[in-house]
N, C-alpha and C. Protein backbone atom coordinates (compact mmCIF):
# COMPACT_ATOMS: atom_id res chain seq x y z
N MET A 1 121.62 97.64 105.60
CA MET A 1 120.82 98.84 105.77
C MET A 1 121.05 99.35 107.18
N THR A 2 121.28 100.62 107.31
CA THR A 2 121.34 101.23 108.64
C THR A 2 120.25 102.28 108.72
N ASP A 3 119.73 102.46 109.89
CA ASP A 3 118.67 103.42 110.10
C ASP A 3 118.90 104.06 111.46
N SER A 4 118.77 105.36 111.53
CA SER A 4 119.02 106.06 112.78
C SER A 4 118.03 105.65 113.87
N ARG A 5 116.92 105.03 113.49
CA ARG A 5 115.93 104.61 114.48
C ARG A 5 116.30 103.27 115.11
N LEU A 6 117.27 102.57 114.54
CA LEU A 6 117.69 101.30 115.10
C LEU A 6 118.77 101.56 116.15
N PRO A 7 118.62 100.99 117.35
CA PRO A 7 119.68 101.14 118.35
C PRO A 7 120.90 100.32 117.96
N PRO A 8 122.04 100.55 118.61
CA PRO A 8 123.21 99.73 118.29
C PRO A 8 122.92 98.25 118.50
N PRO A 9 123.45 97.38 117.62
CA PRO A 9 123.21 95.94 117.77
C PRO A 9 123.56 95.47 119.18
N GLY A 10 122.73 94.57 119.70
CA GLY A 10 122.96 94.03 121.03
C GLY A 10 122.24 94.78 122.14
N THR A 11 121.77 95.99 121.84
CA THR A 11 121.03 96.78 122.83
C THR A 11 119.71 96.08 123.13
N VAL A 12 119.42 95.86 124.42
CA VAL A 12 118.14 95.26 124.78
C VAL A 12 117.09 96.36 124.76
N VAL A 13 116.06 96.15 123.94
CA VAL A 13 114.99 97.13 123.79
C VAL A 13 113.76 96.61 124.54
N ARG A 14 113.26 97.40 125.46
CA ARG A 14 112.01 97.07 126.16
C ARG A 14 110.97 98.06 125.67
N ARG A 15 109.83 97.55 125.20
CA ARG A 15 108.82 98.47 124.70
C ARG A 15 107.42 97.96 124.95
N THR A 16 106.51 98.93 125.03
CA THR A 16 105.09 98.64 125.17
C THR A 16 104.44 98.95 123.84
N THR A 17 103.67 98.01 123.31
CA THR A 17 103.06 98.21 122.01
C THR A 17 101.56 98.01 122.05
N ALA A 18 100.91 98.62 121.08
CA ALA A 18 99.49 98.41 120.80
C ALA A 18 99.43 97.68 119.46
N ARG A 19 98.65 96.62 119.38
CA ARG A 19 98.51 95.83 118.16
C ARG A 19 97.02 95.78 117.82
N VAL A 20 96.71 95.89 116.54
CA VAL A 20 95.30 95.90 116.11
C VAL A 20 95.07 94.78 115.10
N LEU A 21 94.01 94.03 115.33
CA LEU A 21 93.65 92.91 114.48
C LEU A 21 92.31 93.20 113.80
N PRO A 22 92.36 93.75 112.57
CA PRO A 22 91.12 93.98 111.82
C PRO A 22 90.56 92.64 111.33
N VAL A 23 89.27 92.41 111.60
CA VAL A 23 88.62 91.14 111.28
C VAL A 23 87.48 91.38 110.30
N ARG A 24 87.51 90.69 109.17
CA ARG A 24 86.42 90.77 108.19
C ARG A 24 85.29 89.82 108.59
N PRO A 25 84.10 90.01 108.00
CA PRO A 25 82.97 89.11 108.29
C PRO A 25 83.26 87.63 107.98
N ASP A 26 84.18 87.36 107.05
CA ASP A 26 84.51 85.96 106.72
C ASP A 26 85.51 85.35 107.69
N GLY A 27 85.86 86.09 108.75
CA GLY A 27 86.76 85.55 109.77
C GLY A 27 88.23 85.66 109.44
N LYS A 28 88.58 86.37 108.38
CA LYS A 28 89.99 86.58 108.05
C LYS A 28 90.48 87.86 108.72
N VAL A 29 91.75 87.82 109.13
CA VAL A 29 92.37 88.93 109.86
C VAL A 29 93.50 89.52 109.02
N LEU A 30 93.57 90.85 109.03
CA LEU A 30 94.59 91.55 108.25
C LEU A 30 95.95 91.49 108.95
N LEU A 31 96.96 91.04 108.21
CA LEU A 31 98.34 90.99 108.70
C LEU A 31 99.27 91.64 107.69
N LEU A 32 100.46 91.96 108.14
CA LEU A 32 101.50 92.52 107.27
C LEU A 32 102.57 91.47 107.02
N HIS A 33 103.21 91.56 105.85
CA HIS A 33 104.28 90.65 105.45
C HIS A 33 105.58 91.44 105.40
N GLY A 34 106.56 91.00 106.15
CA GLY A 34 107.83 91.73 106.17
C GLY A 34 108.94 90.87 106.73
N TRP A 35 110.03 91.54 107.14
CA TRP A 35 111.22 90.83 107.58
C TRP A 35 112.07 91.72 108.49
N ASP A 36 112.96 91.07 109.20
CA ASP A 36 113.99 91.75 109.99
C ASP A 36 114.96 92.38 108.99
N PRO A 37 115.37 93.65 109.21
CA PRO A 37 116.26 94.28 108.23
C PRO A 37 117.60 93.55 108.05
N LEU A 38 118.01 92.74 109.02
CA LEU A 38 119.25 91.97 108.90
C LEU A 38 119.01 90.59 108.31
N LYS A 39 117.74 90.22 108.09
CA LYS A 39 117.40 88.90 107.56
C LYS A 39 116.32 89.00 106.49
N PRO A 40 116.58 89.74 105.42
CA PRO A 40 115.54 89.95 104.40
C PRO A 40 115.10 88.66 103.69
N GLY A 41 115.88 87.61 103.77
CA GLY A 41 115.53 86.35 103.11
C GLY A 41 114.60 85.47 103.93
N THR A 42 114.21 85.95 105.11
CA THR A 42 113.33 85.16 105.98
C THR A 42 112.10 85.98 106.34
N PRO A 43 111.17 86.16 105.39
CA PRO A 43 109.98 86.96 105.67
C PRO A 43 108.96 86.21 106.52
N TYR A 44 108.04 86.96 107.11
CA TYR A 44 107.01 86.40 107.97
C TYR A 44 105.80 87.32 107.98
N TRP A 45 104.70 86.82 108.55
CA TRP A 45 103.47 87.58 108.70
C TRP A 45 103.37 88.06 110.14
N PHE A 46 102.98 89.33 110.32
CA PHE A 46 102.89 89.88 111.67
C PHE A 46 101.71 90.84 111.81
N THR A 47 101.40 91.17 113.06
CA THR A 47 100.24 92.00 113.35
C THR A 47 100.56 93.49 113.17
N ILE A 48 99.54 94.25 112.88
CA ILE A 48 99.65 95.70 112.74
C ILE A 48 99.83 96.30 114.13
N GLY A 49 100.74 97.23 114.25
CA GLY A 49 100.91 97.90 115.53
C GLY A 49 102.32 98.40 115.73
N GLY A 50 102.53 99.02 116.89
CA GLY A 50 103.85 99.54 117.20
C GLY A 50 103.88 100.16 118.58
N GLY A 51 104.99 100.81 118.85
CA GLY A 51 105.26 101.34 120.16
C GLY A 51 104.32 102.46 120.59
N VAL A 52 104.00 102.44 121.89
CA VAL A 52 103.22 103.51 122.50
C VAL A 52 104.18 104.67 122.76
N GLU A 53 103.87 105.83 122.21
CA GLU A 53 104.72 107.00 122.36
C GLU A 53 104.39 107.75 123.65
N ALA A 54 105.33 108.58 124.11
CA ALA A 54 105.14 109.36 125.33
C ALA A 54 103.85 110.16 125.27
N GLY A 55 103.05 110.09 126.32
CA GLY A 55 101.81 110.84 126.40
C GLY A 55 100.64 110.20 125.68
N GLU A 56 100.84 109.01 125.15
CA GLU A 56 99.82 108.33 124.36
C GLU A 56 99.27 107.14 125.16
N THR A 57 97.98 106.87 125.03
CA THR A 57 97.41 105.66 125.61
C THR A 57 97.60 104.52 124.61
N VAL A 58 97.39 103.27 125.06
CA VAL A 58 97.50 102.16 124.13
C VAL A 58 96.43 102.24 123.05
N VAL A 59 95.25 102.74 123.39
CA VAL A 59 94.19 102.90 122.38
C VAL A 59 94.62 103.92 121.33
N GLN A 60 95.14 105.06 121.77
CA GLN A 60 95.60 106.09 120.83
C GLN A 60 96.72 105.54 119.95
N ALA A 61 97.63 104.79 120.54
CA ALA A 61 98.73 104.20 119.76
C ALA A 61 98.19 103.21 118.73
N GLY A 62 97.21 102.39 119.14
CA GLY A 62 96.63 101.43 118.21
C GLY A 62 95.98 102.11 117.02
N LEU A 63 95.21 103.15 117.29
CA LEU A 63 94.55 103.89 116.20
C LEU A 63 95.58 104.56 115.29
N ARG A 64 96.63 105.13 115.88
CA ARG A 64 97.69 105.79 115.09
C ARG A 64 98.42 104.77 114.22
N GLU A 65 98.79 103.63 114.81
CA GLU A 65 99.51 102.61 114.04
C GLU A 65 98.65 102.05 112.91
N LEU A 66 97.36 101.86 113.15
CA LEU A 66 96.45 101.38 112.12
C LEU A 66 96.42 102.37 110.95
N ARG A 67 96.38 103.66 111.27
CA ARG A 67 96.38 104.71 110.24
C ARG A 67 97.72 104.73 109.50
N GLU A 68 98.83 104.71 110.25
CA GLU A 68 100.16 104.83 109.64
C GLU A 68 100.54 103.59 108.83
N GLU A 69 100.29 102.42 109.36
CA GLU A 69 100.78 101.20 108.71
C GLU A 69 99.91 100.71 107.56
N VAL A 70 98.57 100.90 107.66
CA VAL A 70 97.71 100.37 106.59
C VAL A 70 96.66 101.35 106.09
N GLY A 71 96.68 102.59 106.60
CA GLY A 71 95.78 103.62 106.09
C GLY A 71 94.33 103.48 106.52
N ILE A 72 94.06 102.74 107.60
CA ILE A 72 92.69 102.59 108.08
C ILE A 72 92.43 103.62 109.17
N LEU A 73 91.41 104.47 108.96
CA LEU A 73 91.04 105.49 109.93
C LEU A 73 89.80 105.04 110.67
N LEU A 74 89.87 105.05 111.99
CA LEU A 74 88.73 104.64 112.81
C LEU A 74 88.48 105.70 113.88
N PRO A 75 87.23 105.82 114.34
CA PRO A 75 86.94 106.75 115.45
C PRO A 75 87.58 106.24 116.74
N SER A 76 87.76 107.14 117.70
CA SER A 76 88.49 106.81 118.93
C SER A 76 87.85 105.70 119.75
N ASP A 77 86.55 105.47 119.59
CA ASP A 77 85.89 104.43 120.39
C ASP A 77 85.79 103.09 119.65
N ALA A 78 86.38 102.98 118.48
CA ALA A 78 86.22 101.78 117.64
C ALA A 78 86.93 100.54 118.19
N LEU A 79 88.01 100.72 118.93
CA LEU A 79 88.79 99.56 119.35
C LEU A 79 88.18 98.81 120.53
N GLY A 80 87.44 99.48 121.38
CA GLY A 80 86.85 98.80 122.53
C GLY A 80 87.92 98.34 123.51
N GLU A 81 87.55 97.34 124.28
CA GLU A 81 88.48 96.80 125.28
C GLU A 81 89.49 95.87 124.62
N PRO A 82 90.69 95.76 125.19
CA PRO A 82 91.67 94.81 124.64
C PRO A 82 91.14 93.39 124.67
N VAL A 83 91.54 92.59 123.69
CA VAL A 83 91.13 91.18 123.63
C VAL A 83 92.22 90.26 124.18
N ALA A 84 93.44 90.78 124.30
CA ALA A 84 94.55 89.98 124.82
C ALA A 84 95.73 90.88 125.16
N THR A 85 96.57 90.38 126.04
CA THR A 85 97.86 91.02 126.32
C THR A 85 98.88 89.91 126.47
N ASN A 86 100.11 90.19 126.12
CA ASN A 86 101.19 89.24 126.38
C ASN A 86 102.52 89.97 126.32
N THR A 87 103.55 89.27 126.69
CA THR A 87 104.92 89.77 126.57
C THR A 87 105.70 88.73 125.79
N ILE A 88 106.37 89.18 124.75
CA ILE A 88 107.19 88.26 123.96
C ILE A 88 108.62 88.78 123.91
N GLU A 89 109.54 87.88 123.64
CA GLU A 89 110.95 88.22 123.46
C GLU A 89 111.38 87.71 122.10
N PHE A 90 112.05 88.57 121.35
CA PHE A 90 112.53 88.20 120.03
C PHE A 90 113.70 89.11 119.67
N GLU A 91 114.33 88.84 118.54
CA GLU A 91 115.41 89.70 118.07
C GLU A 91 115.00 90.35 116.76
N TRP A 92 115.31 91.63 116.61
CA TRP A 92 115.01 92.36 115.37
C TRP A 92 116.09 93.42 115.18
N GLY A 93 116.66 93.50 113.99
CA GLY A 93 117.71 94.48 113.73
C GLY A 93 118.93 94.29 114.60
N GLY A 94 119.18 93.04 115.02
CA GLY A 94 120.35 92.75 115.85
C GLY A 94 120.16 93.06 117.33
N CYS A 95 118.95 93.43 117.73
CA CYS A 95 118.68 93.78 119.12
C CYS A 95 117.67 92.83 119.75
N PRO A 96 117.97 92.34 120.96
CA PRO A 96 116.95 91.60 121.69
C PRO A 96 115.83 92.56 122.10
N ILE A 97 114.59 92.14 121.90
CA ILE A 97 113.44 93.00 122.22
C ILE A 97 112.54 92.26 123.20
N ILE A 98 112.17 92.95 124.26
CA ILE A 98 111.18 92.46 125.21
C ILE A 98 109.98 93.38 125.02
N GLN A 99 108.90 92.81 124.52
CA GLN A 99 107.78 93.63 124.08
C GLN A 99 106.49 93.25 124.81
N GLN A 100 105.96 94.22 125.54
CA GLN A 100 104.64 94.06 126.16
C GLN A 100 103.62 94.48 125.12
N GLN A 101 102.65 93.62 124.85
CA GLN A 101 101.71 93.87 123.77
C GLN A 101 100.27 93.87 124.29
N THR A 102 99.50 94.84 123.80
CA THR A 102 98.07 94.88 124.06
C THR A 102 97.38 94.77 122.70
N PHE A 103 96.49 93.80 122.57
CA PHE A 103 95.81 93.53 121.30
C PHE A 103 94.37 94.00 121.33
N PHE A 104 93.97 94.63 120.24
CA PHE A 104 92.59 95.06 120.03
C PHE A 104 92.07 94.39 118.77
N ALA A 105 90.80 94.02 118.78
CA ALA A 105 90.15 93.48 117.58
C ALA A 105 89.12 94.49 117.12
N VAL A 106 89.03 94.66 115.81
CA VAL A 106 88.05 95.58 115.26
C VAL A 106 87.41 94.93 114.03
N GLY A 107 86.10 94.95 113.98
CA GLY A 107 85.39 94.41 112.83
C GLY A 107 85.42 95.41 111.68
N VAL A 108 85.75 94.93 110.50
CA VAL A 108 85.78 95.79 109.31
C VAL A 108 85.06 95.06 108.18
N ASP A 109 84.54 95.83 107.24
CA ASP A 109 83.95 95.23 106.06
C ASP A 109 84.98 95.31 104.94
N THR A 110 84.77 96.18 104.00
CA THR A 110 85.72 96.36 102.92
C THR A 110 86.64 97.51 103.29
N VAL A 111 87.92 97.27 103.29
CA VAL A 111 88.89 98.34 103.56
C VAL A 111 89.92 98.36 102.45
N GLU A 112 90.38 99.55 102.16
CA GLU A 112 91.46 99.69 101.20
C GLU A 112 92.74 99.92 101.98
N VAL A 113 93.69 99.00 101.84
CA VAL A 113 94.95 99.09 102.57
C VAL A 113 95.90 100.00 101.80
N SER A 114 96.53 100.91 102.53
CA SER A 114 97.49 101.83 101.94
C SER A 114 98.75 101.88 102.79
N PHE A 115 99.91 101.85 102.15
CA PHE A 115 101.18 101.99 102.85
C PHE A 115 101.70 103.42 102.78
N ALA A 116 100.88 104.37 102.32
CA ALA A 116 101.31 105.75 102.07
C ALA A 116 101.84 106.47 103.30
N ASN A 117 101.38 106.09 104.51
CA ASN A 117 101.81 106.79 105.72
C ASN A 117 102.89 106.06 106.51
N GLN A 118 103.46 105.02 105.93
CA GLN A 118 104.50 104.28 106.63
C GLN A 118 105.79 105.09 106.71
N GLU A 119 106.54 104.85 107.78
CA GLU A 119 107.87 105.45 107.93
C GLU A 119 108.84 104.73 107.01
N GLU A 120 110.00 105.33 106.77
CA GLU A 120 110.98 104.78 105.84
C GLU A 120 111.40 103.34 106.20
N LEU A 121 111.66 103.08 107.48
CA LEU A 121 112.07 101.74 107.88
C LEU A 121 110.96 100.73 107.61
N GLU A 122 109.70 101.12 107.81
CA GLU A 122 108.59 100.24 107.50
C GLU A 122 108.51 99.96 106.00
N LEU A 123 108.70 101.01 105.20
CA LEU A 123 108.66 100.84 103.75
C LEU A 123 109.76 99.89 103.27
N GLN A 124 110.89 99.88 103.99
CA GLN A 124 112.01 99.02 103.61
C GLN A 124 111.87 97.59 104.10
N THR A 125 110.98 97.35 105.07
CA THR A 125 110.90 96.01 105.67
C THR A 125 109.49 95.39 105.63
N ILE A 126 108.55 96.05 104.97
CA ILE A 126 107.20 95.51 104.80
C ILE A 126 106.89 95.48 103.31
N SER A 127 106.52 94.29 102.81
CA SER A 127 106.31 94.16 101.37
C SER A 127 104.85 94.03 100.96
N ASP A 128 103.99 93.60 101.89
CA ASP A 128 102.64 93.27 101.46
C ASP A 128 101.72 93.19 102.67
N HIS A 129 100.43 93.01 102.39
CA HIS A 129 99.44 92.73 103.42
C HIS A 129 98.64 91.52 102.94
N GLY A 130 97.97 90.88 103.87
CA GLY A 130 97.15 89.73 103.50
C GLY A 130 96.11 89.47 104.56
N TRP A 131 95.02 88.83 104.15
CA TRP A 131 93.93 88.46 105.05
C TRP A 131 94.05 86.97 105.32
N TRP A 132 94.10 86.60 106.60
CA TRP A 132 94.39 85.22 106.99
C TRP A 132 93.36 84.64 107.95
N HIS A 133 92.95 83.40 107.67
CA HIS A 133 92.25 82.59 108.66
C HIS A 133 93.33 82.06 109.60
N PRO A 134 93.07 82.00 110.90
CA PRO A 134 94.09 81.53 111.83
C PRO A 134 94.68 80.16 111.47
N ASP A 135 93.83 79.21 111.09
CA ASP A 135 94.33 77.86 110.78
C ASP A 135 95.23 77.87 109.55
N GLU A 136 94.87 78.67 108.55
CA GLU A 136 95.69 78.76 107.34
C GLU A 136 97.06 79.35 107.65
N LEU A 137 97.08 80.40 108.46
CA LEU A 137 98.37 81.00 108.84
C LEU A 137 99.22 80.00 109.61
N GLU A 138 98.59 79.33 110.56
CA GLU A 138 99.33 78.35 111.37
C GLU A 138 99.93 77.26 110.48
N ALA A 139 99.19 76.82 109.47
CA ALA A 139 99.66 75.76 108.58
C ALA A 139 100.89 76.18 107.77
N THR A 140 101.04 77.49 107.50
CA THR A 140 102.19 77.94 106.71
C THR A 140 103.47 77.95 107.52
N GLY A 141 103.36 78.08 108.85
CA GLY A 141 104.56 78.22 109.67
C GLY A 141 105.26 79.56 109.48
N GLN A 142 104.57 80.52 108.86
CA GLN A 142 105.21 81.80 108.53
C GLN A 142 104.75 82.96 109.42
N ALA A 143 104.16 82.66 110.57
CA ALA A 143 103.80 83.72 111.51
C ALA A 143 105.09 84.21 112.18
N ALA A 144 105.17 85.49 112.44
CA ALA A 144 106.36 86.06 113.06
C ALA A 144 106.61 85.48 114.45
N HIS A 145 105.56 85.10 115.13
CA HIS A 145 105.68 84.53 116.47
C HIS A 145 104.65 83.43 116.63
N VAL A 146 104.97 82.43 117.40
CA VAL A 146 104.11 81.26 117.58
C VAL A 146 102.74 81.61 118.17
N THR A 147 102.64 82.74 118.85
CA THR A 147 101.37 83.13 119.47
C THR A 147 100.36 83.74 118.50
N ILE A 148 100.78 84.13 117.32
CA ILE A 148 99.91 84.90 116.43
C ILE A 148 98.65 84.15 115.98
N PRO A 149 98.74 82.89 115.52
CA PRO A 149 97.49 82.23 115.13
C PRO A 149 96.45 82.19 116.25
N GLY A 150 96.88 81.94 117.48
CA GLY A 150 95.95 81.93 118.61
C GLY A 150 95.35 83.30 118.86
N LEU A 151 96.14 84.34 118.68
CA LEU A 151 95.64 85.70 118.85
C LEU A 151 94.60 86.03 117.77
N LEU A 152 94.81 85.53 116.56
CA LEU A 152 93.82 85.72 115.50
C LEU A 152 92.51 85.04 115.88
N ARG A 153 92.59 83.85 116.47
CA ARG A 153 91.38 83.14 116.90
C ARG A 153 90.63 83.95 117.96
N VAL A 154 91.37 84.50 118.92
CA VAL A 154 90.76 85.32 119.97
C VAL A 154 90.08 86.55 119.36
N ALA A 155 90.72 87.18 118.38
CA ALA A 155 90.15 88.38 117.74
C ALA A 155 88.87 88.04 117.00
N VAL A 156 88.87 86.95 116.24
CA VAL A 156 87.68 86.55 115.48
C VAL A 156 86.54 86.25 116.45
N GLU A 157 86.82 85.53 117.52
CA GLU A 157 85.80 85.21 118.51
C GLU A 157 85.25 86.48 119.17
N ALA A 158 86.13 87.41 119.50
CA ALA A 158 85.69 88.67 120.13
C ALA A 158 84.76 89.45 119.21
N ILE A 159 85.09 89.52 117.93
CA ILE A 159 84.24 90.24 116.97
C ILE A 159 82.90 89.51 116.81
N ASN A 160 82.93 88.19 116.74
CA ASN A 160 81.69 87.41 116.63
C ASN A 160 80.79 87.67 117.86
N LEU A 161 81.37 87.70 119.04
CA LEU A 161 80.59 87.95 120.27
C LEU A 161 80.02 89.37 120.28
N ARG A 162 80.82 90.35 119.85
CA ARG A 162 80.33 91.75 119.81
C ARG A 162 79.15 91.88 118.88
N GLN A 163 79.25 91.22 117.72
CA GLN A 163 78.19 91.34 116.72
C GLN A 163 76.93 90.59 117.13
N ALA A 164 77.09 89.56 117.98
CA ALA A 164 75.94 88.79 118.43
C ALA A 164 75.16 89.50 119.53
N SER A 165 75.82 90.42 120.24
CA SER A 165 75.14 91.08 121.37
C SER A 165 74.51 92.39 120.98
């Protein structure tokens, strides 16, 4: 598969992303199931989010990505303060990626997930969504990055603290 949005293989991509972790009252967090376009036989679970576009804040990017990737619409103040930040390095589409990530947690009740607003490349590389307890995800070994189960724990704790205050 080739896509005009993918840089030439080997290009080092540096990007800033906003990631959103929707948390249900039962402590499960919404993740997406997909794969690298060059490795469709090795799927994994990953967080909702994407690149911050020119002129956009990380909060605006997080809200936009939540709407585009899973069809969840939230008011501009719903994300609150970030619950975590990190930088990870990985390869995707044949390109090394250095990604600065800002994570937001948002409490949700019942949501209907929709892939209707996804871009073509997302539609080709995302197959499903699922709600995960951090320990269950960690036990599968299928998280896209080793940091994800811990980030889910941080998100669940942040939502529990918000609801308690």
